[in-house]
Amino acid sequence: GRFTISRDNAQRTTYLQMDSLKPEDTAVYYC
């Protein structure tokens, strides 16, 4: 409900849209 994953294969790129971020989301993010 807060994060949305999407991708653009033509660009070979995947996205993670993060909304309503909380302090608990603090971390190193890996794909």
PDB file of all heavy atoms in Angstrom:
ATOM      1  N   GLY A   1       0.797  -1.214   0.000  1.00  0.00           N
ATOM      2  CA  GLY A   1       0.000   0.000   0.000  1.00  0.00           C
ATOM      3  C   GLY A   1       0.826   1.260   0.000  1.00  0.00           C
ATOM      4  O   GLY A   1       0.309   2.339  -0.320  1.00  0.00           O
ATOM      5  N   ARG A   2       2.089   1.158   0.357  1.00  0.00           N
ATOM      6  CA  ARG A   2       2.974   2.319   0.385  1.00  0.00           C
ATOM      7  C   ARG A   2       4.032   2.277  -0.711  1.00  0.00           C
ATOM      8  O   ARG A   2       4.409   3.312  -1.248  1.00  0.00           O
ATOM      9  CB  ARG A   2       3.669   2.432   1.744  1.00  0.00           C
ATOM     10  CG  ARG A   2       2.717   2.610   2.913  1.00  0.00           C
ATOM     11  CD  ARG A   2       3.475   2.919   4.197  1.00  0.00           C
ATOM     12  NE  ARG A   2       4.386   1.838   4.569  1.00  0.00           N
ATOM     13  CZ  ARG A   2       5.713   1.973   4.658  1.00  0.00           C
ATOM     14  NH1 ARG A   2       6.279   3.149   4.412  1.00  0.00           N
ATOM     15  NH2 ARG A   2       6.468   0.944   5.013  1.00  0.00           N
ATOM     16  N   PHE A   3       4.500   1.083  -1.026  1.00  0.00           N
ATOM     17  CA  PHE A   3       5.534   0.916  -2.040  1.00  0.00           C
ATOM     18  C   PHE A   3       4.926   0.323  -3.302  1.00  0.00           C
ATOM     19  O   PHE A   3       3.994  -0.480  -3.248  1.00  0.00           O
ATOM     20  CB  PHE A   3       6.641  -0.025  -1.551  1.00  0.00           C
ATOM     21  CG  PHE A   3       7.510   0.541  -0.461  1.00  0.00           C
ATOM     22  CD1 PHE A   3       7.185   1.719   0.192  1.00  0.00           C
ATOM     23  CD2 PHE A   3       8.670  -0.124  -0.089  1.00  0.00           C
ATOM     24  CE1 PHE A   3       7.983   2.239   1.197  1.00  0.00           C
ATOM     25  CE2 PHE A   3       9.484   0.376   0.911  1.00  0.00           C
ATOM     26  CZ  PHE A   3       9.143   1.554   1.554  1.00  0.00           C
ATOM     27  N   THR A   4       5.482   0.696  -4.432  1.00  0.00           N
ATOM     28  CA  THR A   4       5.044   0.165  -5.714  1.00  0.00           C
ATOM     29  C   THR A   4       6.251  -0.202  -6.560  1.00  0.00           C
ATOM     30  O   THR A   4       7.121   0.635  -6.799  1.00  0.00           O
ATOM     31  CB  THR A   4       4.177   1.174  -6.485  1.00  0.00           C
ATOM     32  OG1 THR A   4       3.051   1.561  -5.685  1.00  0.00           O
ATOM     33  CG2 THR A   4       3.670   0.553  -7.782  1.00  0.00           C
ATOM     34  N   ILE A   5       6.293  -1.442  -6.997  1.00  0.00           N
ATOM     35  CA  ILE A   5       7.378  -1.883  -7.864  1.00  0.00           C
ATOM     36  C   ILE A   5       6.898  -1.883  -9.312  1.00  0.00           C
ATOM     37  O   ILE A   5       5.755  -2.244  -9.600  1.00  0.00           O
ATOM     38  CB  ILE A   5       7.892  -3.283  -7.447  1.00  0.00           C
ATOM     39  CG1 ILE A   5       9.141  -3.656  -8.247  1.00  0.00           C
ATOM     40  CG2 ILE A   5       6.805  -4.342  -7.596  1.00  0.00           C
ATOM     41  CD1 ILE A   5       9.838  -4.909  -7.720  1.00  0.00           C
ATOM     42  N   SER A   6       7.748  -1.461 -10.203  1.00  0.00           N
ATOM     43  CA  SER A   6       7.422  -1.426 -11.622  1.00  0.00           C
ATOM     44  C   SER A   6       8.702  -1.604 -12.423  1.00  0.00           C
ATOM     45  O   SER A   6       9.802  -1.557 -11.864  1.00  0.00           O
ATOM     46  CB  SER A   6       6.726  -0.115 -11.995  1.00  0.00           C
ATOM     47  OG  SER A   6       7.579   0.991 -11.757  1.00  0.00           O
ATOM     48  N   ARG A   7       8.554  -1.803 -13.720  1.00  0.00           N
ATOM     49  CA  ARG A   7       9.749  -1.970 -14.544  1.00  0.00           C
ATOM     50  C   ARG A   7       9.531  -1.468 -15.952  1.00  0.00           C
ATOM     51  O   ARG A   7       8.410  -1.413 -16.461  1.00  0.00           O
ATOM     52  CB  ARG A   7      10.189  -3.438 -14.553  1.00  0.00           C
ATOM     53  CG  ARG A   7       9.233  -4.394 -15.253  1.00  0.00           C
ATOM     54  CD  ARG A   7       9.613  -5.840 -14.966  1.00  0.00           C
ATOM     55  NE  ARG A   7      10.944  -6.170 -15.441  1.00  0.00           N
ATOM     56  CZ  ARG A   7      11.621  -7.273 -15.120  1.00  0.00           C
ATOM     57  NH1 ARG A   7      11.065  -8.166 -14.304  1.00  0.00           N
ATOM     58  NH2 ARG A   7      12.842  -7.492 -15.600  1.00  0.00           N
ATOM     59  N   ASP A   8      10.629  -1.125 -16.581  1.00  0.00           N
ATOM     60  CA  ASP A   8      10.653  -0.701 -17.970  1.00  0.00           C
ATOM     61  C   ASP A   8      11.709  -1.553 -18.647  1.00  0.00           C
ATOM     62  O   ASP A   8      12.901  -1.264 -18.572  1.00  0.00           O
ATOM     63  CB  ASP A   8      10.986   0.787 -18.070  1.00  0.00           C
ATOM     64  CG  ASP A   8      10.945   1.304 -19.496  1.00  0.00           C
ATOM     65  OD1 ASP A   8      10.966   0.494 -20.443  1.00  0.00           O
ATOM     66  OD2 ASP A   8      10.880   2.537 -19.671  1.00  0.00           O
ATOM     67  N   ASN A   9      11.262  -2.613 -19.296  1.00  0.00           N
ATOM     68  CA  ASN A   9      12.203  -3.563 -19.876  1.00  0.00           C
ATOM     69  C   ASN A   9      13.007  -2.979 -21.029  1.00  0.00           C
ATOM     70  O   ASN A   9      14.125  -3.421 -21.291  1.00  0.00           O
ATOM     71  CB  ASN A   9      11.469  -4.825 -20.334  1.00  0.00           C
ATOM     72  CG  ASN A   9      10.980  -5.663 -19.169  1.00  0.00           C
ATOM     73  OD1 ASN A   9      11.428  -5.481 -18.032  1.00  0.00           O
ATOM     74  ND2 ASN A   9      10.064  -6.578 -19.435  1.00  0.00           N
ATOM     75  N   ALA A  10      12.429  -2.015 -21.729  1.00  0.00           N
ATOM     76  CA  ALA A  10      13.159  -1.369 -22.810  1.00  0.00           C
ATOM     77  C   ALA A  10      14.381  -0.637 -22.277  1.00  0.00           C
ATOM     78  O   ALA A  10      15.404  -0.537 -22.957  1.00  0.00           O
ATOM     79  CB  ALA A  10      12.256  -0.411 -23.573  1.00  0.00           C
ATOM     80  N   GLN A  11      14.268  -0.126 -21.056  1.00  0.00           N
ATOM     81  CA  GLN A  11      15.377   0.559 -20.410  1.00  0.00           C
ATOM     82  C   GLN A  11      16.150  -0.345 -19.467  1.00  0.00           C
ATOM     83  O   GLN A  11      17.139   0.096 -18.868  1.00  0.00           O
ATOM     84  CB  GLN A  11      14.866   1.781 -19.637  1.00  0.00           C
ATOM     85  CG  GLN A  11      14.214   2.839 -20.512  1.00  0.00           C
ATOM     86  CD  GLN A  11      15.208   3.483 -21.459  1.00  0.00           C
ATOM     87  OE1 GLN A  11      16.362   3.740 -21.091  1.00  0.00           O
ATOM     88  NE2 GLN A  11      14.776   3.742 -22.678  1.00  0.00           N
ATOM     89  N   ARG A  12      15.692  -1.583 -19.329  1.00  0.00           N
ATOM     90  CA  ARG A  12      16.306  -2.554 -18.431  1.00  0.00           C
ATOM     91  C   ARG A  12      16.414  -1.986 -17.020  1.00  0.00           C
ATOM     92  O   ARG A  12      17.425  -2.157 -16.337  1.00  0.00           O
ATOM     93  CB  ARG A  12      17.683  -2.977 -18.945  1.00  0.00           C
ATOM     94  CG  ARG A  12      17.657  -3.614 -20.332  1.00  0.00           C
ATOM     95  CD  ARG A  12      18.976  -4.275 -20.664  1.00  0.00           C
ATOM     96  NE  ARG A  12      19.195  -5.480 -19.867  1.00  0.00           N
ATOM     97  CZ  ARG A  12      20.313  -6.187 -19.868  1.00  0.00           C
ATOM     98  NH1 ARG A  12      21.336  -5.812 -20.627  1.00  0.00           N
ATOM     99  NH2 ARG A  12      20.419  -7.271 -19.111  1.00  0.00           N
ATOM    100  N   THR A  13      15.344  -1.332 -16.597  1.00  0.00           N
ATOM    101  CA  THR A  13      15.338  -0.684 -15.299  1.00  0.00           C
ATOM    102  C   THR A  13      14.087  -1.051 -14.515  1.00  0.00           C
ATOM    103  O   THR A  13      12.989  -1.076 -15.055  1.00  0.00           O
ATOM    104  CB  THR A  13      15.416   0.845 -15.443  1.00  0.00           C
ATOM    105  OG1 THR A  13      16.599   1.202 -16.168  1.00  0.00           O
ATOM    106  CG2 THR A  13      15.460   1.516 -14.080  1.00  0.00           C
ATOM    107  N   THR A  14      14.272  -1.339 -13.245  1.00  0.00           N
ATOM    108  CA  THR A  14      13.176  -1.634 -12.336  1.00  0.00           C
ATOM    109  C   THR A  14      13.129  -0.554 -11.268  1.00  0.00           C
ATOM    110  O   THR A  14      14.169  -0.105 -10.780  1.00  0.00           O
ATOM    111  CB  THR A  14      13.356  -3.007 -11.683  1.00  0.00           C
ATOM    112  OG1 THR A  14      13.428  -4.010 -12.704  1.00  0.00           O
ATOM    113  CG2 THR A  14      12.170  -3.331 -10.783  1.00  0.00           C
ATOM    114  N   TYR A  15      11.922  -0.137 -10.908  1.00  0.00           N
ATOM    115  CA  TYR A  15      11.748   0.952  -9.970  1.00  0.00           C
ATOM    116  C   TYR A  15      11.042   0.497  -8.702  1.00  0.00           C
ATOM    117  O   TYR A  15      10.246  -0.430  -8.714  1.00  0.00           O
ATOM    118  CB  TYR A  15      10.931   2.086 -10.597  1.00  0.00           C
ATOM    119  CG  TYR A  15      11.503   2.598 -11.896  1.00  0.00           C
ATOM    120  CD1 TYR A  15      11.028   2.129 -13.115  1.00  0.00           C
ATOM    121  CD2 TYR A  15      12.517   3.546 -11.896  1.00  0.00           C
ATOM    122  CE1 TYR A  15      11.552   2.589 -14.310  1.00  0.00           C
ATOM    123  CE2 TYR A  15      13.047   4.011 -13.085  1.00  0.00           C
ATOM    124  CZ  TYR A  15      12.556   3.535 -14.289  1.00  0.00           C
ATOM    125  OH  TYR A  15      13.084   4.001 -15.465  1.00  0.00           O
ATOM    126  N   LEU A  16      11.330   1.178  -7.629  1.00  0.00           N
ATOM    127  CA  LEU A  16      10.606   0.991  -6.381  1.00  0.00           C
ATOM    128  C   LEU A  16      10.176   2.370  -5.905  1.00  0.00           C
ATOM    129  O   LEU A  16      11.000   3.144  -5.401  1.00  0.00           O
ATOM    130  CB  LEU A  16      11.463   0.297  -5.322  1.00  0.00           C
ATOM    131  CG  LEU A  16      10.741  -0.022  -4.013  1.00  0.00           C
ATOM    132  CD1 LEU A  16       9.650  -1.072  -4.253  1.00  0.00           C
ATOM    133  CD2 LEU A  16      11.715  -0.504  -2.947  1.00  0.00           C
ATOM    134  N   GLN A  17       8.903   2.669  -6.103  1.00  0.00           N
ATOM    135  CA  GLN A  17       8.346   3.928  -5.638  1.00  0.00           C
ATOM    136  C   GLN A  17       7.946   3.769  -4.182  1.00  0.00           C
ATOM    137  O   GLN A  17       7.136   2.909  -3.847  1.00  0.00           O
ATOM    138  CB  GLN A  17       7.127   4.322  -6.476  1.00  0.00           C
ATOM    139  CG  GLN A  17       6.431   5.594  -6.025  1.00  0.00           C
ATOM    140  CD  GLN A  17       7.283   6.827  -6.216  1.00  0.00           C
ATOM    141  OE1 GLN A  17       7.939   6.973  -7.244  1.00  0.00           O
ATOM    142  NE2 GLN A  17       7.288   7.714  -5.233  1.00  0.00           N
ATOM    143  N   MET A  18       8.512   4.588  -3.323  1.00  0.00           N
ATOM    144  CA  MET A  18       8.267   4.491  -1.894  1.00  0.00           C
ATOM    145  C   MET A  18       7.571   5.758  -1.415  1.00  0.00           C
ATOM    146  O   MET A  18       8.143   6.848  -1.469  1.00  0.00           O
ATOM    147  CB  MET A  18       9.579   4.280  -1.137  1.00  0.00           C
ATOM    148  CG  MET A  18      10.376   3.074  -1.618  1.00  0.00           C
ATOM    149  SD  MET A  18      11.863   2.772  -0.635  1.00  0.00           S
ATOM    150  CE  MET A  18      12.810   4.248  -1.032  1.00  0.00           C
ATOM    151  N   ASP A  19       6.342   5.591  -0.959  1.00  0.00           N
ATOM    152  CA  ASP A  19       5.551   6.706  -0.452  1.00  0.00           C
ATOM    153  C   ASP A  19       5.271   6.505   1.030  1.00  0.00           C
ATOM    154  O   ASP A  19       5.388   5.401   1.551  1.00  0.00           O
ATOM    155  CB  ASP A  19       4.230   6.823  -1.216  1.00  0.00           C
ATOM    156  CG  ASP A  19       4.414   7.107  -2.691  1.00  0.00           C
ATOM    157  OD1 ASP A  19       5.297   7.907  -3.034  1.00  0.00           O
ATOM    158  OD2 ASP A  19       3.661   6.521  -3.508  1.00  0.00           O
ATOM    159  N   SER A  20       4.878   7.575   1.692  1.00  0.00           N
ATOM    160  CA  SER A  20       4.566   7.528   3.122  1.00  0.00           C
ATOM    161  C   SER A  20       5.671   6.834   3.905  1.00  0.00           C
ATOM    162  O   SER A  20       5.418   5.957   4.734  1.00  0.00           O
ATOM    163  CB  SER A  20       3.221   6.822   3.343  1.00  0.00           C
ATOM    164  OG  SER A  20       2.180   7.483   2.656  1.00  0.00           O
ATOM    165  N   LEU A  21       6.876   7.232   3.655  1.00  0.00           N
ATOM    166  CA  LEU A  21       8.027   6.589   4.279  1.00  0.00           C
ATOM    167  C   LEU A  21       8.030   6.766   5.793  1.00  0.00           C
ATOM    168  O   LEU A  21       7.641   7.809   6.308  1.00  0.00           O
ATOM    169  CB  LEU A  21       9.321   7.132   3.685  1.00  0.00           C
ATOM    170  CG  LEU A  21       9.668   6.580   2.305  1.00  0.00           C
ATOM    171  CD1 LEU A  21      10.705   7.452   1.622  1.00  0.00           C
ATOM    172  CD2 LEU A  21      10.160   5.145   2.428  1.00  0.00           C
ATOM    173  N   LYS A  22       8.489   5.733   6.459  1.00  0.00           N
ATOM    174  CA  LYS A  22       8.573   5.706   7.908  1.00  0.00           C
ATOM    175  C   LYS A  22      10.021   5.507   8.329  1.00  0.00           C
ATOM    176  O   LYS A  22      10.818   4.961   7.574  1.00  0.00           O
ATOM    177  CB  LYS A  22       7.721   4.563   8.472  1.00  0.00           C
ATOM    178  CG  LYS A  22       6.272   4.586   8.040  1.00  0.00           C
ATOM    179  CD  LYS A  22       5.551   3.344   8.542  1.00  0.00           C
ATOM    180  CE  LYS A  22       4.105   3.339   8.113  1.00  0.00           C
ATOM    181  NZ  LYS A  22       3.394   2.109   8.568  1.00  0.00           N
ATOM    182  N   PRO A  23      10.376   5.929   9.536  1.00  0.00           N
ATOM    183  CA  PRO A  23      11.744   5.690  10.017  1.00  0.00           C
ATOM    184  C   PRO A  23      12.130   4.215   9.973  1.00  0.00           C
ATOM    185  O   PRO A  23      13.309   3.898   9.776  1.00  0.00           O
ATOM    186  CB  PRO A  23      11.700   6.205  11.460  1.00  0.00           C
ATOM    187  CG  PRO A  23      10.667   7.275  11.426  1.00  0.00           C
ATOM    188  CD  PRO A  23       9.610   6.760  10.482  1.00  0.00           C
ATOM    189  N   GLU A  24      11.170   3.330  10.136  1.00  0.00           N
ATOM    190  CA  GLU A  24      11.421   1.894  10.079  1.00  0.00           C
ATOM    191  C   GLU A  24      11.847   1.421   8.690  1.00  0.00           C
ATOM    192  O   GLU A  24      12.340   0.306   8.548  1.00  0.00           O
ATOM    193  CB  GLU A  24      10.177   1.107  10.505  1.00  0.00           C
ATOM    194  CG  GLU A  24       9.611   1.518  11.848  1.00  0.00           C
ATOM    195  CD  GLU A  24       8.586   2.635  11.727  1.00  0.00           C
ATOM    196  OE1 GLU A  24       7.414   2.329  11.391  1.00  0.00           O
ATOM    197  OE2 GLU A  24       8.951   3.803  11.972  1.00  0.00           O
ATOM    198  N   ASP A  25      11.656   2.254   7.682  1.00  0.00           N
ATOM    199  CA  ASP A  25      12.070   1.910   6.327  1.00  0.00           C
ATOM    200  C   ASP A  25      13.554   2.175   6.097  1.00  0.00           C
ATOM    201  O   ASP A  25      14.089   1.825   5.044  1.00  0.00           O
ATOM    202  CB  ASP A  25      11.256   2.697   5.297  1.00  0.00           C
ATOM    203  CG  ASP A  25       9.780   2.347   5.327  1.00  0.00           C
ATOM    204  OD1 ASP A  25       9.455   1.146   5.455  1.00  0.00           O
ATOM    205  OD2 ASP A  25       8.953   3.268   5.220  1.00  0.00           O
ATOM    206  N   THR A  26      14.204   2.798   7.048  1.00  0.00           N
ATOM    207  CA  THR A  26      15.624   3.099   6.928  1.00  0.00           C
ATOM    208  C   THR A  26      16.432   1.818   6.789  1.00  0.00           C
ATOM    209  O   THR A  26      16.356   0.929   7.632  1.00  0.00           O
ATOM    210  CB  THR A  26      16.112   3.893   8.146  1.00  0.00           C
ATOM    211  OG1 THR A  26      15.461   5.163   8.184  1.00  0.00           O
ATOM    212  CG2 THR A  26      17.618   4.115   8.079  1.00  0.00           C
ATOM    213  N   ALA A  27      17.193   1.731   5.715  1.00  0.00           N
ATOM    214  CA  ALA A  27      17.971   0.530   5.432  1.00  0.00           C
ATOM    215  C   ALA A  27      18.761   0.734   4.152  1.00  0.00           C
ATOM    216  O   ALA A  27      18.563   1.711   3.430  1.00  0.00           O
ATOM    217  CB  ALA A  27      17.052  -0.687   5.283  1.00  0.00           C
ATOM    218  N   VAL A  28      19.648  -0.200   3.887  1.00  0.00           N
ATOM    219  CA  VAL A  28      20.275  -0.275   2.579  1.00  0.00           C
ATOM    220  C   VAL A  28      19.377  -1.130   1.707  1.00  0.00           C
ATOM    221  O   VAL A  28      19.028  -2.251   2.084  1.00  0.00           O
ATOM    222  CB  VAL A  28      21.688  -0.882   2.644  1.00  0.00           C
ATOM    223  CG1 VAL A  28      22.271  -1.029   1.243  1.00  0.00           C
ATOM    224  CG2 VAL A  28      22.602  -0.008   3.499  1.00  0.00           C
ATOM    225  N   TYR A  29      18.990  -0.614   0.560  1.00  0.00           N
ATOM    226  CA  TYR A  29      18.091  -1.319  -0.337  1.00  0.00           C
ATOM    227  C   TYR A  29      18.873  -1.927  -1.497  1.00  0.00           C
ATOM    228  O   TYR A  29      19.683  -1.256  -2.139  1.00  0.00           O
ATOM    229  CB  TYR A  29      17.021  -0.371  -0.877  1.00  0.00           C
ATOM    230  CG  TYR A  29      15.936  -0.082   0.125  1.00  0.00           C
ATOM    231  CD1 TYR A  29      16.196   0.703   1.244  1.00  0.00           C
ATOM    232  CD2 TYR A  29      14.655  -0.609  -0.034  1.00  0.00           C
ATOM    233  CE1 TYR A  29      15.212   0.952   2.179  1.00  0.00           C
ATOM    234  CE2 TYR A  29      13.662  -0.357   0.895  1.00  0.00           C
ATOM    235  CZ  TYR A  29      13.943   0.421   2.004  1.00  0.00           C
ATOM    236  OH  TYR A  29      12.960   0.672   2.924  1.00  0.00           O
ATOM    237  N   TYR A  30      18.615  -3.192  -1.745  1.00  0.00           N
ATOM    238  CA  TYR A  30      19.282  -3.936  -2.805  1.00  0.00           C
ATOM    239  C   TYR A  30      18.269  -4.435  -3.819  1.00  0.00           C
ATOM    240  O   TYR A  30      17.169  -4.824  -3.458  1.00  0.00           O
ATOM    241  CB  TYR A  30      20.007  -5.163  -2.245  1.00  0.00           C
ATOM    242  CG  TYR A  30      21.056  -4.875  -1.204  1.00  0.00           C
ATOM    243  CD1 TYR A  30      20.727  -4.800   0.144  1.00  0.00           C
ATOM    244  CD2 TYR A  30      22.389  -4.704  -1.562  1.00  0.00           C
ATOM    245  CE1 TYR A  30      21.684  -4.549   1.108  1.00  0.00           C
ATOM    246  CE2 TYR A  30      23.350  -4.457  -0.608  1.00  0.00           C
ATOM    247  CZ  TYR A  30      22.993  -4.383   0.727  1.00  0.00           C
ATOM    248  OH  TYR A  30      23.960  -4.138   1.665  1.00  0.00           O
ATOM    249  N   CYS A  31      18.646  -4.444  -5.074  1.00  0.00           N
ATOM    250  CA  CYS A  31      17.836  -5.128  -6.068  1.00  0.00           C
ATOM    251  C   CYS A  31      18.545  -6.404  -6.482  1.00  0.00           C
ATOM    252  O   CYS A  31      19.767  -6.509  -6.384  1.00  0.00           O
ATOM    253  CB  CYS A  31      17.538  -4.239  -7.286  1.00  0.00           C
ATOM    254  SG  CYS A  31      18.960  -3.813  -8.308  1.00  0.00           S
TER     255      CYS A  31
END
